[in-house]
């Protein structure tokens, strides 16, 4: 059995400049989302369904290592825009903002982190492309049989990044990145690979959040918010008064049900000028 590895050289400075330009191209969109005449409910729909998915292509075709700093910059702008739109105080800690990046099914806002999704997206894209890549390899049958183990440098780094984020089953990702071609070269990879890997990453993030925020009230809120249809108000399109939330209503719901932890619950909404804690009760789940 033979083993070899290869890597492709690029001008990293030019790649960084190009990626920076792509991320900066969204700056005008972020500014428009912060317009005071744009309802918070509409702004969150645009942020989650339009702006964040625009980075999906880059996450699938650019290695996580090259994209990391630019994805982090984009993620920070997303969270900063969401926080400002919700009227959250600048002093709120990072852990309290974590639910913003969790999927709605786990009690979050669905503002997925591009940096954390990047390894799953890139690996799934590469796995789907494996059969087509092998068409250009003269000895591809030996690769498919495992007689030759070939590693792509970026492939190995992505594998390490992915496994460091979540515990990945071997039926999804081989334990040895050198077995990449044996696993995916036959074209048997599921088209839902990226989704399956993202689910594992989301669950790991949610578990870490539960560890950091171990207070009973925090756990109750997350359990309640992850129940079926609990996040329907976040996905509702304000096409009629019945499904339209005023800015103060949306902000209050966000503070008290999602990211309103004990350190900020008694603080007034930024820009609103009054306390809401005596206006409506704080909902806690009731279980059998």
C-alpha atoms as a PDB file:
ATOM      1  CA  UNK A   1       0.000   0.000   0.000  1.00  0.00           C
ATOM      2  CA  UNK A   2       1.277   3.426  -0.963  1.00  0.00           C
ATOM      3  CA  UNK A   3       0.520   6.709   0.718  1.00  0.00           C
ATOM      4  CA  UNK A   4       1.098  10.255  -0.459  1.00  0.00           C
ATOM      5  CA  UNK A   5      -0.303  13.695   0.050  1.00  0.00           C
ATOM      6  CA  UNK A   6      -0.574  16.834  -2.004  1.00  0.00           C
ATOM      7  CA  UNK A   7      -1.561  20.427  -1.623  1.00  0.00           C
ATOM      8  CA  UNK A   8      -2.310  23.243  -4.027  1.00  0.00           C
ATOM      9  CA  UNK A   9      -0.459  26.500  -3.653  1.00  0.00           C
ATOM     10  CA  UNK A  10      -2.272  29.823  -3.875  1.00  0.00           C
ATOM     11  CA  UNK A  11      -1.450  33.436  -3.278  1.00  0.00           C
ATOM     12  CA  UNK A  12      -2.918  33.740   0.216  1.00  0.00           C
ATOM     13  CA  UNK A  13      -2.750  37.526   0.186  1.00  0.00           C
ATOM     14  CA  UNK A  14      -4.875  37.722  -2.951  1.00  0.00           C
ATOM     15  CA  UNK A  15      -7.327  35.177  -1.555  1.00  0.00           C
ATOM     16  CA  UNK A  16      -7.685  37.170   1.668  1.00  0.00           C
ATOM     17  CA  UNK A  17      -8.221  40.370  -0.279  1.00  0.00           C
ATOM     18  CA  UNK A  18     -10.887  38.723  -2.424  1.00  0.00           C
ATOM     19  CA  UNK A  19     -12.684  37.225   0.584  1.00  0.00           C
ATOM     20  CA  UNK A  20     -12.534  40.535   2.434  1.00  0.00           C
ATOM     21  CA  UNK A  21     -14.117  42.215  -0.558  1.00  0.00           C
ATOM     22  CA  UNK A  22     -16.909  39.627  -0.631  1.00  0.00           C
ATOM     23  CA  UNK A  23     -17.673  40.073   3.072  1.00  0.00           C
ATOM     24  CA  UNK A  24     -17.494  43.874   2.856  1.00  0.00           C
ATOM     25  CA  UNK A  25     -19.962  43.821  -0.031  1.00  0.00           C
ATOM     26  CA  UNK A  26     -22.693  43.045   2.515  1.00  0.00           C
ATOM     27  CA  UNK A  27     -22.006  46.170   4.581  1.00  0.00           C
ATOM     28  CA  UNK A  28     -24.729  48.199   2.877  1.00  0.00           C
ATOM     29  CA  UNK A  29     -27.263  45.461   3.585  1.00  0.00           C
ATOM     30  CA  UNK A  30     -26.337  45.545   7.282  1.00  0.00           C
ATOM     31  CA  UNK A  31     -26.757  49.318   7.358  1.00  0.00           C
ATOM     32  CA  UNK A  32     -30.193  49.080   5.772  1.00  0.00           C
ATOM     33  CA  UNK A  33     -31.281  46.519   8.373  1.00  0.00           C
ATOM     34  CA  UNK A  34     -30.528  49.080  11.087  1.00  0.00           C
ATOM     35  CA  UNK A  35     -32.839  51.713   9.601  1.00  0.00           C
ATOM     36  CA  UNK A  36     -35.244  52.819  12.363  1.00  0.00           C
ATOM     37  CA  UNK A  37     -38.198  52.661   9.957  1.00  0.00           C
ATOM     38  CA  UNK A  38     -37.541  48.965   9.197  1.00  0.00           C
ATOM     39  CA  UNK A  39     -39.560  46.780  11.613  1.00  0.00           C
ATOM     40  CA  UNK A  40     -37.512  44.455  13.805  1.00  0.00           C
ATOM     41  CA  UNK A  41     -39.599  41.473  12.709  1.00  0.00           C
ATOM     42  CA  UNK A  42     -38.843  42.157   9.035  1.00  0.00           C
ATOM     43  CA  UNK A  43     -35.178  42.847   9.741  1.00  0.00           C
ATOM     44  CA  UNK A  44     -34.727  39.443  11.390  1.00  0.00           C
ATOM     45  CA  UNK A  45     -36.429  37.670   8.506  1.00  0.00           C
ATOM     46  CA  UNK A  46     -34.104  39.379   6.033  1.00  0.00           C
ATOM     47  CA  UNK A  47     -31.079  38.680   8.210  1.00  0.00           C
ATOM     48  CA  UNK A  48     -31.825  34.980   8.626  1.00  0.00           C
ATOM     49  CA  UNK A  49     -33.285  34.121   5.228  1.00  0.00           C
ATOM     50  CA  UNK A  50     -31.377  36.428   2.874  1.00  0.00           C
ATOM     51  CA  UNK A  51     -28.120  37.741   4.275  1.00  0.00           C
ATOM     52  CA  UNK A  52     -26.710  34.717   6.119  1.00  0.00           C
ATOM     53  CA  UNK A  53     -27.448  32.234   3.268  1.00  0.00           C
ATOM     54  CA  UNK A  54     -25.482  34.514   0.919  1.00  0.00           C
ATOM     55  CA  UNK A  55     -22.309  33.178   2.568  1.00  0.00           C
ATOM     56  CA  UNK A  56     -23.271  29.561   1.917  1.00  0.00           C
ATOM     57  CA  UNK A  57     -21.442  29.315  -1.396  1.00  0.00           C
ATOM     58  CA  UNK A  58     -18.171  30.584   0.059  1.00  0.00           C
ATOM     59  CA  UNK A  59     -18.494  28.160   2.966  1.00  0.00           C
ATOM     60  CA  UNK A  60     -18.714  25.254   0.528  1.00  0.00           C
ATOM     61  CA  UNK A  61     -15.915  26.186  -1.855  1.00  0.00           C
ATOM     62  CA  UNK A  62     -13.360  27.930   0.388  1.00  0.00           C
ATOM     63  CA  UNK A  63     -11.406  25.949   2.959  1.00  0.00           C
ATOM     64  CA  UNK A  64     -12.346  26.670   6.596  1.00  0.00           C
ATOM     65  CA  UNK A  65      -8.771  27.749   7.334  1.00  0.00           C
ATOM     66  CA  UNK A  66      -8.827  30.424   4.627  1.00  0.00           C
ATOM     67  CA  UNK A  67     -12.363  31.532   5.422  1.00  0.00           C
ATOM     68  CA  UNK A  68     -12.109  31.539   9.238  1.00  0.00           C
ATOM     69  CA  UNK A  69     -11.169  35.159   9.932  1.00  0.00           C
ATOM     70  CA  UNK A  70     -13.551  36.526   7.303  1.00  0.00           C
ATOM     71  CA  UNK A  71     -16.397  34.297   8.497  1.00  0.00           C
ATOM     72  CA  UNK A  72     -15.786  35.473  12.069  1.00  0.00           C
ATOM     73  CA  UNK A  73     -15.958  39.086  10.921  1.00  0.00           C
ATOM     74  CA  UNK A  74     -19.260  38.388   9.174  1.00  0.00           C
ATOM     75  CA  UNK A  75     -20.632  36.525  12.215  1.00  0.00           C
ATOM     76  CA  UNK A  76     -19.690  39.391  14.514  1.00  0.00           C
ATOM     77  CA  UNK A  77     -21.514  41.861  12.294  1.00  0.00           C
ATOM     78  CA  UNK A  78     -24.595  39.621  12.249  1.00  0.00           C
ATOM     79  CA  UNK A  79     -24.709  39.391  16.044  1.00  0.00           C
ATOM     80  CA  UNK A  80     -23.958  43.090  16.466  1.00  0.00           C
ATOM     81  CA  UNK A  81     -26.761  44.015  14.048  1.00  0.00           C
ATOM     82  CA  UNK A  82     -29.215  41.647  15.734  1.00  0.00           C
ATOM     83  CA  UNK A  83     -28.303  42.934  19.196  1.00  0.00           C
ATOM     84  CA  UNK A  84     -28.727  46.548  18.157  1.00  0.00           C
ATOM     85  CA  UNK A  85     -32.037  45.804  16.484  1.00  0.00           C
ATOM     86  CA  UNK A  86     -33.251  44.059  19.650  1.00  0.00           C
ATOM     87  CA  UNK A  87     -32.113  46.978  21.774  1.00  0.00           C
ATOM     88  CA  UNK A  88     -29.876  44.796  23.924  1.00  0.00           C
ATOM     89  CA  UNK A  89     -27.416  46.602  26.202  1.00  0.00           C
ATOM     90  CA  UNK A  90     -23.807  46.680  24.966  1.00  0.00           C
ATOM     91  CA  UNK A  91     -22.625  45.198  28.261  1.00  0.00           C
ATOM     92  CA  UNK A  92     -24.381  41.853  27.734  1.00  0.00           C
ATOM     93  CA  UNK A  93     -21.923  38.967  27.882  1.00  0.00           C
ATOM     94  CA  UNK A  94     -21.086  36.743  24.918  1.00  0.00           C
ATOM     95  CA  UNK A  95     -22.612  33.615  26.445  1.00  0.00           C
ATOM     96  CA  UNK A  96     -25.975  35.342  26.768  1.00  0.00           C
ATOM     97  CA  UNK A  97     -25.927  36.090  23.025  1.00  0.00           C
ATOM     98  CA  UNK A  98     -25.188  32.484  22.046  1.00  0.00           C
ATOM     99  CA  UNK A  99     -28.884  31.560  21.529  1.00  0.00           C
ATOM    100  CA  UNK A 100     -28.949  34.024  18.630  1.00  0.00           C
ATOM    101  CA  UNK A 101     -26.793  31.624  16.596  1.00  0.00           C
ATOM    102  CA  UNK A 102     -28.653  28.441  17.574  1.00  0.00           C
ATOM    103  CA  UNK A 103     -31.267  27.033  15.164  1.00  0.00           C
ATOM    104  CA  UNK A 104     -34.880  27.760  15.982  1.00  0.00           C
ATOM    105  CA  UNK A 105     -35.576  24.081  16.671  1.00  0.00           C
ATOM    106  CA  UNK A 106     -33.114  24.238  19.583  1.00  0.00           C
ATOM    107  CA  UNK A 107     -34.564  27.419  21.030  1.00  0.00           C
ATOM    108  CA  UNK A 108     -32.462  29.947  19.136  1.00  0.00           C
ATOM    109  CA  UNK A 109     -32.948  32.673  16.576  1.00  0.00           C
ATOM    110  CA  UNK A 110     -31.478  30.740  13.646  1.00  0.00           C
ATOM    111  CA  UNK A 111     -28.644  33.202  12.951  1.00  0.00           C
ATOM    112  CA  UNK A 112     -26.205  30.406  12.177  1.00  0.00           C
ATOM    113  CA  UNK A 113     -22.486  31.046  12.532  1.00  0.00           C
ATOM    114  CA  UNK A 114     -20.752  30.821   9.156  1.00  0.00           C
ATOM    115  CA  UNK A 115     -17.439  30.066  10.853  1.00  0.00           C
ATOM    116  CA  UNK A 116     -18.822  27.055  12.741  1.00  0.00           C
ATOM    117  CA  UNK A 117     -20.772  25.746   9.750  1.00  0.00           C
ATOM    118  CA  UNK A 118     -17.819  26.180   7.400  1.00  0.00           C
ATOM    119  CA  UNK A 119     -16.059  22.817   8.110  1.00  0.00           C
ATOM    120  CA  UNK A 120     -19.284  20.875   7.585  1.00  0.00           C
ATOM    121  CA  UNK A 121     -20.145  22.770   4.396  1.00  0.00           C
ATOM    122  CA  UNK A 122     -16.664  22.410   2.893  1.00  0.00           C
ATOM    123  CA  UNK A 123     -16.352  18.721   3.805  1.00  0.00           C
ATOM    124  CA  UNK A 124     -19.793  17.886   2.364  1.00  0.00           C
ATOM    125  CA  UNK A 125     -19.024  19.804  -0.811  1.00  0.00           C
ATOM    126  CA  UNK A 126     -15.717  18.005  -1.240  1.00  0.00           C
ATOM    127  CA  UNK A 127     -17.377  14.648  -0.549  1.00  0.00           C
ATOM    128  CA  UNK A 128     -19.989  15.272  -3.248  1.00  0.00           C
ATOM    129  CA  UNK A 129     -17.242  16.285  -5.669  1.00  0.00           C
ATOM    130  CA  UNK A 130     -15.003  13.266  -4.960  1.00  0.00           C
ATOM    131  CA  UNK A 131     -16.204  11.065  -7.881  1.00  0.00           C
ATOM    132  CA  UNK A 132     -15.708  13.926 -10.344  1.00  0.00           C
ATOM    133  CA  UNK A 133     -12.264  14.745  -8.980  1.00  0.00           C
ATOM    134  CA  UNK A 134     -11.213  11.126  -9.408  1.00  0.00           C
ATOM    135  CA  UNK A 135     -12.110  11.278 -13.096  1.00  0.00           C
ATOM    136  CA  UNK A 136      -8.891  13.265 -13.513  1.00  0.00           C
ATOM    137  CA  UNK A 137      -6.769  10.775 -11.546  1.00  0.00           C
ATOM    138  CA  UNK A 138      -5.109   8.035 -13.659  1.00  0.00           C
ATOM    139  CA  UNK A 139      -4.950   5.474 -10.824  1.00  0.00           C
ATOM    140  CA  UNK A 140      -8.355   6.186  -9.304  1.00  0.00           C
ATOM    141  CA  UNK A 141      -9.255   2.497  -8.944  1.00  0.00           C
ATOM    142  CA  UNK A 142      -6.388   2.041  -6.525  1.00  0.00           C
ATOM    143  CA  UNK A 143      -7.676   5.001  -4.534  1.00  0.00           C
ATOM    144  CA  UNK A 144     -11.195   3.559  -4.479  1.00  0.00           C
ATOM    145  CA  UNK A 145      -9.909   0.188  -3.263  1.00  0.00           C
ATOM    146  CA  UNK A 146      -7.722   1.815  -0.645  1.00  0.00           C
ATOM    147  CA  UNK A 147      -4.509   0.443  -2.153  1.00  0.00           C
ATOM    148  CA  UNK A 148      -3.265   4.032  -2.248  1.00  0.00           C
ATOM    149  CA  UNK A 149      -4.043   6.490   0.493  1.00  0.00           C
ATOM    150  CA  UNK A 150      -3.934  10.072  -0.681  1.00  0.00           C
ATOM    151  CA  UNK A 151      -4.461  13.074   1.520  1.00  0.00           C
ATOM    152  CA  UNK A 152      -5.250  16.617   0.474  1.00  0.00           C
ATOM    153  CA  UNK A 153      -3.702  19.033   2.937  1.00  0.00           C
ATOM    154  CA  UNK A 154      -6.842  21.155   3.244  1.00  0.00           C
ATOM    155  CA  UNK A 155      -8.901  17.968   3.500  1.00  0.00           C
ATOM    156  CA  UNK A 156      -6.904  16.855   6.560  1.00  0.00           C
ATOM    157  CA  UNK A 157      -7.177  20.264   8.247  1.00  0.00           C
ATOM    158  CA  UNK A 158     -10.922  20.372   7.599  1.00  0.00           C
ATOM    159  CA  UNK A 159     -11.286  16.867   9.048  1.00  0.00           C
ATOM    160  CA  UNK A 160      -9.473  17.903  12.215  1.00  0.00           C
ATOM    161  CA  UNK A 161     -11.579  21.060  12.527  1.00  0.00           C
ATOM    162  CA  UNK A 162     -14.803  19.126  12.041  1.00  0.00           C
ATOM    163  CA  UNK A 163     -13.938  16.427  14.565  1.00  0.00           C
ATOM    164  CA  UNK A 164     -12.839  19.037  17.111  1.00  0.00           C
ATOM    165  CA  UNK A 165     -16.267  20.691  17.008  1.00  0.00           C
ATOM    166  CA  UNK A 166     -18.467  17.611  17.257  1.00  0.00           C
ATOM    167  CA  UNK A 167     -18.323  13.858  17.739  1.00  0.00           C
ATOM    168  CA  UNK A 168     -18.937  12.654  14.213  1.00  0.00           C
ATOM    169  CA  UNK A 169     -20.153   9.072  13.538  1.00  0.00           C
ATOM    170  CA  UNK A 170     -17.876   7.049  11.280  1.00  0.00           C
ATOM    171  CA  UNK A 171     -20.699   6.372   8.832  1.00  0.00           C
ATOM    172  CA  UNK A 172     -20.721  10.102   8.071  1.00  0.00           C
ATOM    173  CA  UNK A 173     -17.014  10.940   8.245  1.00  0.00           C
ATOM    174  CA  UNK A 174     -14.162   8.385   8.233  1.00  0.00           C
ATOM    175  CA  UNK A 175     -11.983   8.446  11.330  1.00  0.00           C
ATOM    176  CA  UNK A 176      -8.892   8.615   9.100  1.00  0.00           C
ATOM    177  CA  UNK A 177      -8.951  11.446   6.524  1.00  0.00           C
ATOM    178  CA  UNK A 178      -6.774   9.293   4.252  1.00  0.00           C
ATOM    179  CA  UNK A 179      -9.850   7.082   3.700  1.00  0.00           C
ATOM    180  CA  UNK A 180     -11.707  10.003   2.162  1.00  0.00           C
ATOM    181  CA  UNK A 181     -11.621   8.556  -1.362  1.00  0.00           C
ATOM    182  CA  UNK A 182     -12.691   5.059  -0.288  1.00  0.00           C
ATOM    183  CA  UNK A 183     -15.657   6.523   1.575  1.00  0.00           C
ATOM    184  CA  UNK A 184     -16.880   9.076  -0.942  1.00  0.00           C
ATOM    185  CA  UNK A 185     -15.204   8.224  -4.250  1.00  0.00           C
ATOM    186  CA  UNK A 186     -17.952   5.825  -5.315  1.00  0.00           C
ATOM    187  CA  UNK A 187     -20.526   8.598  -5.283  1.00  0.00           C
ATOM    188  CA  UNK A 188     -22.583   7.075  -2.479  1.00  0.00           C
ATOM    189  CA  UNK A 189     -22.451  10.164  -0.263  1.00  0.00           C
ATOM    190  CA  UNK A 190     -25.817  11.403   0.934  1.00  0.00           C
ATOM    191  CA  UNK A 191     -26.929  14.803  -0.302  1.00  0.00           C
ATOM    192  CA  UNK A 192     -27.937  15.510   3.281  1.00  0.00           C
ATOM    193  CA  UNK A 193     -24.384  15.154   4.619  1.00  0.00           C
ATOM    194  CA  UNK A 194     -23.945  18.856   5.343  1.00  0.00           C
ATOM    195  CA  UNK A 195     -27.261  19.013   7.170  1.00  0.00           C
ATOM    196  CA  UNK A 196     -26.390  15.955   9.263  1.00  0.00           C
ATOM    197  CA  UNK A 197     -23.002  17.410  10.212  1.00  0.00           C
ATOM    198  CA  UNK A 198     -24.541  20.794  11.038  1.00  0.00           C
ATOM    199  CA  UNK A 199     -27.032  19.087  13.345  1.00  0.00           C
ATOM    200  CA  UNK A 200     -24.135  17.577  15.304  1.00  0.00           C
ATOM    201  CA  UNK A 201     -22.418  20.961  15.519  1.00  0.00           C
ATOM    202  CA  UNK A 202     -25.626  22.658  16.677  1.00  0.00           C
ATOM    203  CA  UNK A 203     -26.196  20.061  19.374  1.00  0.00           C
ATOM    204  CA  UNK A 204     -22.631  20.482  20.612  1.00  0.00           C
ATOM    205  CA  UNK A 205     -23.070  24.270  20.830  1.00  0.00           C
ATOM    206  CA  UNK A 206     -26.415  23.870  22.619  1.00  0.00           C
ATOM    207  CA  UNK A 207     -24.850  21.443  25.099  1.00  0.00           C
ATOM    208  CA  UNK A 208     -21.985  23.838  25.789  1.00  0.00           C
ATOM    209  CA  UNK A 209     -24.468  26.653  26.321  1.00  0.00           C
ATOM    210  CA  UNK A 210     -26.380  24.510  28.793  1.00  0.00           C
ATOM    211  CA  UNK A 211     -23.156  23.931  30.681  1.00  0.00           C
ATOM    212  CA  UNK A 212     -22.267  27.615  30.834  1.00  0.00           C
ATOM    213  CA  UNK A 213     -25.807  28.710  31.656  1.00  0.00           C
ATOM    214  CA  UNK A 214     -26.670  26.074  34.254  1.00  0.00           C
ATOM    215  CA  UNK A 215     -29.281  28.181  36.060  1.00  0.00           C
ATOM    216  CA  UNK A 216     -32.663  26.485  36.236  1.00  0.00           C
ATOM    217  CA  UNK A 217     -34.450  29.457  34.683  1.00  0.00           C
ATOM    218  CA  UNK A 218     -32.131  29.477  31.679  1.00  0.00           C
ATOM    219  CA  UNK A 219     -32.639  25.758  31.102  1.00  0.00           C
ATOM    220  CA  UNK A 220     -36.395  26.169  31.408  1.00  0.00           C
ATOM    221  CA  UNK A 221     -36.428  28.904  28.790  1.00  0.00           C
ATOM    222  CA  UNK A 222     -34.336  26.895  26.342  1.00  0.00           C
ATOM    223  CA  UNK A 223     -36.471  23.778  26.886  1.00  0.00           C
ATOM    224  CA  UNK A 224     -39.656  25.735  26.380  1.00  0.00           C
ATOM    225  CA  UNK A 225     -38.355  27.590  23.318  1.00  0.00           C
ATOM    226  CA  UNK A 226     -37.229  24.381  21.625  1.00  0.00           C
ATOM    227  CA  UNK A 227     -40.708  22.852  21.817  1.00  0.00           C
ATOM    228  CA  UNK A 228     -42.638  22.276  18.623  1.00  0.00           C
ATOM    229  CA  UNK A 229     -43.897  25.508  17.013  1.00  0.00           C
ATOM    230  CA  UNK A 230     -42.390  27.572  19.837  1.00  0.00           C
ATOM    231  CA  UNK A 231     -40.400  29.552  17.290  1.00  0.00           C
ATOM    232  CA  UNK A 232     -43.275  30.166  14.882  1.00  0.00           C
ATOM    233  CA  UNK A 233     -43.279  33.866  15.765  1.00  0.00           C
ATOM    234  CA  UNK A 234     -39.741  34.138  14.351  1.00  0.00           C
ATOM    235  CA  UNK A 235     -40.660  32.629  10.994  1.00  0.00           C
ATOM    236  CA  UNK A 236     -44.026  34.350  10.576  1.00  0.00           C
ATOM    237  CA  UNK A 237     -44.186  36.764   7.652  1.00  0.00           C
ATOM    238  CA  UNK A 238     -46.019  39.952   8.713  1.00  0.00           C
ATOM    239  CA  UNK A 239     -48.534  39.776   5.890  1.00  0.00           C
ATOM    240  CA  UNK A 240     -51.517  40.620   8.111  1.00  0.00           C
ATOM    241  CA  UNK A 241     -52.100  42.286  11.494  1.00  0.00           C
ATOM    242  CA  UNK A 242     -52.665  38.870  13.083  1.00  0.00           C
ATOM    243  CA  UNK A 243     -49.056  37.824  12.477  1.00  0.00           C
ATOM    244  CA  UNK A 244     -47.404  41.242  12.810  1.00  0.00           C
ATOM    245  CA  UNK A 245     -45.399  42.161  15.903  1.00  0.00           C
ATOM    246  CA  UNK A 246     -44.597  45.707  16.930  1.00  0.00           C
ATOM    247  CA  UNK A 247     -40.940  46.415  17.595  1.00  0.00           C
ATOM    248  CA  UNK A 248     -41.478  46.612  21.352  1.00  0.00           C
ATOM    249  CA  UNK A 249     -43.329  43.280  21.303  1.00  0.00           C
ATOM    250  CA  UNK A 250     -40.590  41.561  19.332  1.00  0.00           C
ATOM    251  CA  UNK A 251     -37.874  43.033  21.535  1.00  0.00           C
ATOM    252  CA  UNK A 252     -39.661  42.058  24.714  1.00  0.00           C
ATOM    253  CA  UNK A 253     -40.184  38.488  23.505  1.00  0.00           C
ATOM    254  CA  UNK A 254     -36.520  38.241  22.610  1.00  0.00           C
ATOM    255  CA  UNK A 255     -35.348  39.508  25.981  1.00  0.00           C
ATOM    256  CA  UNK A 256     -37.668  37.540  28.231  1.00  0.00           C
ATOM    257  CA  UNK A 257     -37.942  34.278  26.334  1.00  0.00           C
ATOM    258  CA  UNK A 258     -34.705  33.896  24.389  1.00  0.00           C
ATOM    259  CA  UNK A 259     -31.682  35.870  25.467  1.00  0.00           C
ATOM    260  CA  UNK A 260     -33.094  37.585  28.538  1.00  0.00           C
ATOM    261  CA  UNK A 261     -30.900  36.102  31.239  1.00  0.00           C
ATOM    262  CA  UNK A 262     -30.865  37.188  34.846  1.00  0.00           C
ATOM    263  CA  UNK A 263     -28.067  39.695  34.358  1.00  0.00           C
ATOM    264  CA  UNK A 264     -30.162  41.908  32.062  1.00  0.00           C
ATOM    265  CA  UNK A 265     -33.783  41.147  32.865  1.00  0.00           C
ATOM    266  CA  UNK A 266     -34.354  44.297  34.907  1.00  0.00           C
ATOM    267  CA  UNK A 267     -32.680  46.626  32.432  1.00  0.00           C
ATOM    268  CA  UNK A 268     -34.799  48.779  30.097  1.00  0.00           C
ATOM    269  CA  UNK A 269     -34.786  48.238  26.373  1.00  0.00           C
ATOM    270  CA  UNK A 270     -32.233  50.463  24.689  1.00  0.00           C
ATOM    271  CA  UNK A 271     -34.067  53.253  22.920  1.00  0.00           C
ATOM    272  CA  UNK A 272     -37.402  52.425  24.586  1.00  0.00           C
ATOM    273  CA  UNK A 273     -36.783  54.108  27.930  1.00  0.00           C
ATOM    274  CA  UNK A 274     -38.891  52.036  30.311  1.00  0.00           C
ATOM    275  CA  UNK A 275     -38.886  48.667  32.042  1.00  0.00           C
ATOM    276  CA  UNK A 276     -40.993  45.814  30.755  1.00  0.00           C
ATOM    277  CA  UNK A 277     -40.551  43.403  33.625  1.00  0.00           C
ATOM    278  CA  UNK A 278     -43.797  44.500  35.304  1.00  0.00           C
ATOM    279  CA  UNK A 279     -45.793  44.647  32.071  1.00  0.00           C
ATOM    280  CA  UNK A 280     -45.962  40.958  31.203  1.00  0.00           C
ATOM    281  CA  UNK A 281     -45.056  37.785  33.100  1.00  0.00           C
ATOM    282  CA  UNK A 282     -41.960  35.761  32.338  1.00  0.00           C
ATOM    283  CA  UNK A 283     -43.115  32.493  30.864  1.00  0.00           C
ATOM    284  CA  UNK A 284     -41.676  29.277  32.256  1.00  0.00           C
ATOM    285  CA  UNK A 285     -42.558  25.827  30.935  1.00  0.00           C
ATOM    286  CA  UNK A 286     -44.831  23.444  32.804  1.00  0.00           C
ATOM    287  CA  UNK A 287     -44.093  19.765  32.325  1.00  0.00           C
ATOM    288  CA  UNK A 288     -45.956  16.685  33.440  1.00  0.00           C
END
